[in-house]
Structure formats: structure tokens, C-alpha cells
Amino acid sequence: MITCPSADCGSPNVADLPHFWHSLPAESPLKARYAPPEAAGASYWVALAAVVAGVALLVSGALLGLLVAAAGAGWGALVHRRAAAAGERLADWESSRVCLACTGTF
């Protein structure tokens, strides 16, 4: 049996956080408090376009193409890192629990 880890509470009245959040009515003030983290918009189109443009410039003989392609690859890595961090936050939220007695999460 899972109990609240708070030393002041210790209640066995515990629920999965996603299930609890979905069961709240829309007008509940707790709906915003326990909401899932926002997803990061992972759009790789700008990074891909920059890499393609950089390669095209490099093939045409401009060394600036190398810089543009590197900037596109860097942007793609940054977008990927943000998307991975958002995924980790969502996974943590999905595996969290809420104590229905003291409203603490763990």
C-alpha cells in the first residue's frame, strides 16, 4: 500500500496524478495546479533548411555555407534537447502521485 511520504501526513489516500487531474472538473482551481507540463514544439524544418542551404552554398564555392550548415545543425541539436527535456518532464508527471489528504505530490 502506498502512503504519503510527508512526515506530517502519512495518509494512505493516494491517487495517480494523471488520473486525478483528468477526473477534476474544468472549473476546479486544482486543474491548473496539477496540469501536465507543456510540450516543447519540436520543429526541425528551420534547422533542416539551414543545413540544406549551407550545403548548397558550400557546393557553389562559398565557405559561408559551412557556417550556415553548422548553425543549422546546432539549432537542430538545441531543438532536440528541448524536446527531450519536455519528454522527461512529461514522463515524471505521468509517474507522479498525489496525496488526497494533504494535496502534496510525489
Protein backbone atom coordinates (compact mmCIF):
# COMPACT_ATOMS: atom_id res chain seq x y z
CA MET A 1 0.00 0.00 0.00
CA ILE A 2 1.32 3.41 -0.95
CA THR A 3 1.19 6.13 1.68
CA CYS A 4 2.01 9.82 1.58
CA PRO A 5 5.74 10.32 2.25
CA SER A 6 5.11 13.54 4.19
CA ALA A 7 6.00 13.18 7.86
CA ASP A 8 3.01 15.34 8.79
CA CYS A 9 0.51 13.33 6.76
CA GLY A 10 1.25 9.65 6.05
CA SER A 11 -2.24 9.14 4.63
CA PRO A 12 -2.94 6.05 2.52
CA ASN A 13 -5.40 8.10 0.44
CA VAL A 14 -3.14 8.41 -2.62
CA ALA A 15 -4.01 8.57 -6.34
CA ASP A 16 -2.09 8.64 -9.62
CA LEU A 17 -1.61 12.27 -10.60
CA PRO A 18 -2.72 11.95 -14.26
CA HIS A 19 -5.85 10.04 -13.26
CA PHE A 20 -6.64 12.61 -10.55
CA TRP A 21 -6.07 15.52 -12.95
CA HIS A 22 -8.35 14.02 -15.62
CA SER A 23 -11.10 13.46 -13.05
CA LEU A 24 -11.14 17.11 -11.91
CA PRO A 25 -13.93 19.29 -13.29
CA ALA A 26 -12.84 22.02 -15.70
CA GLU A 27 -13.73 24.81 -13.26
CA SER A 28 -11.63 23.36 -10.44
CA PRO A 29 -8.77 25.61 -9.26
CA LEU A 30 -6.68 22.45 -8.85
CA LYS A 31 -6.87 21.78 -12.60
CA ALA A 32 -4.15 24.36 -13.29
CA ARG A 33 -2.07 23.39 -10.27
CA TYR A 34 -1.74 19.74 -11.27
CA ALA A 35 -1.71 20.27 -15.05
CA PRO A 36 0.82 18.35 -17.13
CA PRO A 37 3.92 20.23 -18.27
CA GLU A 38 3.76 21.96 -21.60
CA ALA A 39 5.15 20.12 -24.59
CA ALA A 40 8.01 21.72 -26.48
CA GLY A 41 7.30 22.43 -30.12
CA ALA A 42 9.89 20.33 -31.93
CA SER A 43 10.02 21.68 -35.46
CA TYR A 44 13.18 20.69 -37.27
CA TRP A 45 12.25 22.40 -40.54
CA VAL A 46 14.29 25.57 -39.89
CA ALA A 47 17.34 23.52 -38.93
CA LEU A 48 16.95 21.27 -41.96
CA ALA A 49 16.52 24.26 -44.28
CA ALA A 50 19.66 25.89 -42.85
CA VAL A 51 21.70 22.72 -43.34
CA VAL A 52 20.46 22.32 -46.92
CA ALA A 53 21.15 25.99 -47.69
CA GLY A 54 24.61 25.68 -46.14
CA VAL A 55 25.44 22.63 -48.21
CA ALA A 56 24.17 24.39 -51.34
CA LEU A 57 26.35 27.41 -50.57
CA LEU A 58 29.33 25.18 -49.86
CA VAL A 59 28.90 23.30 -53.14
CA SER A 60 28.74 26.62 -55.00
CA GLY A 61 32.11 27.54 -53.54
CA ALA A 62 31.19 29.86 -50.68
CA LEU A 63 32.84 28.99 -47.38
CA LEU A 64 29.96 30.77 -45.66
CA GLY A 65 27.99 27.61 -46.41
CA LEU A 66 29.99 25.74 -43.80
CA LEU A 67 28.97 28.27 -41.16
CA VAL A 68 25.31 28.16 -42.22
CA ALA A 69 25.27 24.35 -42.18
CA ALA A 70 26.93 24.28 -38.75
CA ALA A 71 24.40 26.80 -37.42
CA GLY A 72 21.55 24.66 -38.76
CA ALA A 73 22.99 21.55 -37.11
CA GLY A 74 23.41 23.44 -33.84
CA TRP A 75 19.82 24.69 -33.99
CA GLY A 76 18.63 21.13 -34.64
CA ALA A 77 20.58 19.89 -31.61
CA LEU A 78 19.05 22.63 -29.44
CA VAL A 79 15.52 21.78 -30.60
CA HIS A 80 16.19 18.09 -29.93
CA ARG A 81 17.49 18.82 -26.42
CA ARG A 82 14.41 20.91 -25.59
CA ALA A 83 12.08 18.19 -26.90
CA ALA A 84 13.91 15.52 -24.88
CA ALA A 85 13.71 17.62 -21.69
CA ALA A 86 9.98 18.19 -22.24
CA GLY A 87 9.51 14.46 -22.71
CA GLU A 88 11.32 13.76 -19.44
CA ARG A 89 9.14 16.28 -17.58
CA LEU A 90 6.01 14.66 -19.01
CA ALA A 91 7.23 11.18 -18.03
CA ASP A 92 7.89 12.41 -14.48
CA TRP A 93 4.39 13.91 -14.33
CA GLU A 94 2.82 10.70 -15.63
CA SER A 95 4.54 8.64 -12.93
CA SER A 96 3.70 11.06 -10.08
CA ARG A 97 1.14 10.53 -7.35
CA VAL A 98 -0.95 12.95 -5.33
CA CYS A 99 -1.98 12.65 -1.69
CA LEU A 100 -5.68 13.41 -1.46
CA ALA A 101 -5.38 14.31 2.22
CA CYS A 102 -2.63 16.96 2.12
CA THR A 103 -2.68 17.56 -1.71
CA GLY A 104 1.07 17.06 -1.94
CA THR A 105 2.65 15.40 -4.94
CA PHE A 106 5.43 12.87 -5.01
